């Protein structure tokens, strides 16, 4: 049996009520305005620019 057995996977899949409510809220907000978010490339670019400014 592996270090990560099916029982561990089941425990990881459990979500607290407050977490599910937050996920539902975010999903609804996205579905109401799908163009409001950033692409992964935009997120990476912003992070990189932020780190460049912080280091020098």
Foldseek 3Di string as FASTA:
>chain_A
DDPCDPVNVVVVPDDDPVRVVVVVVVVVVCVVPVVPDDDPVVVVVVVVVVVVVVPD
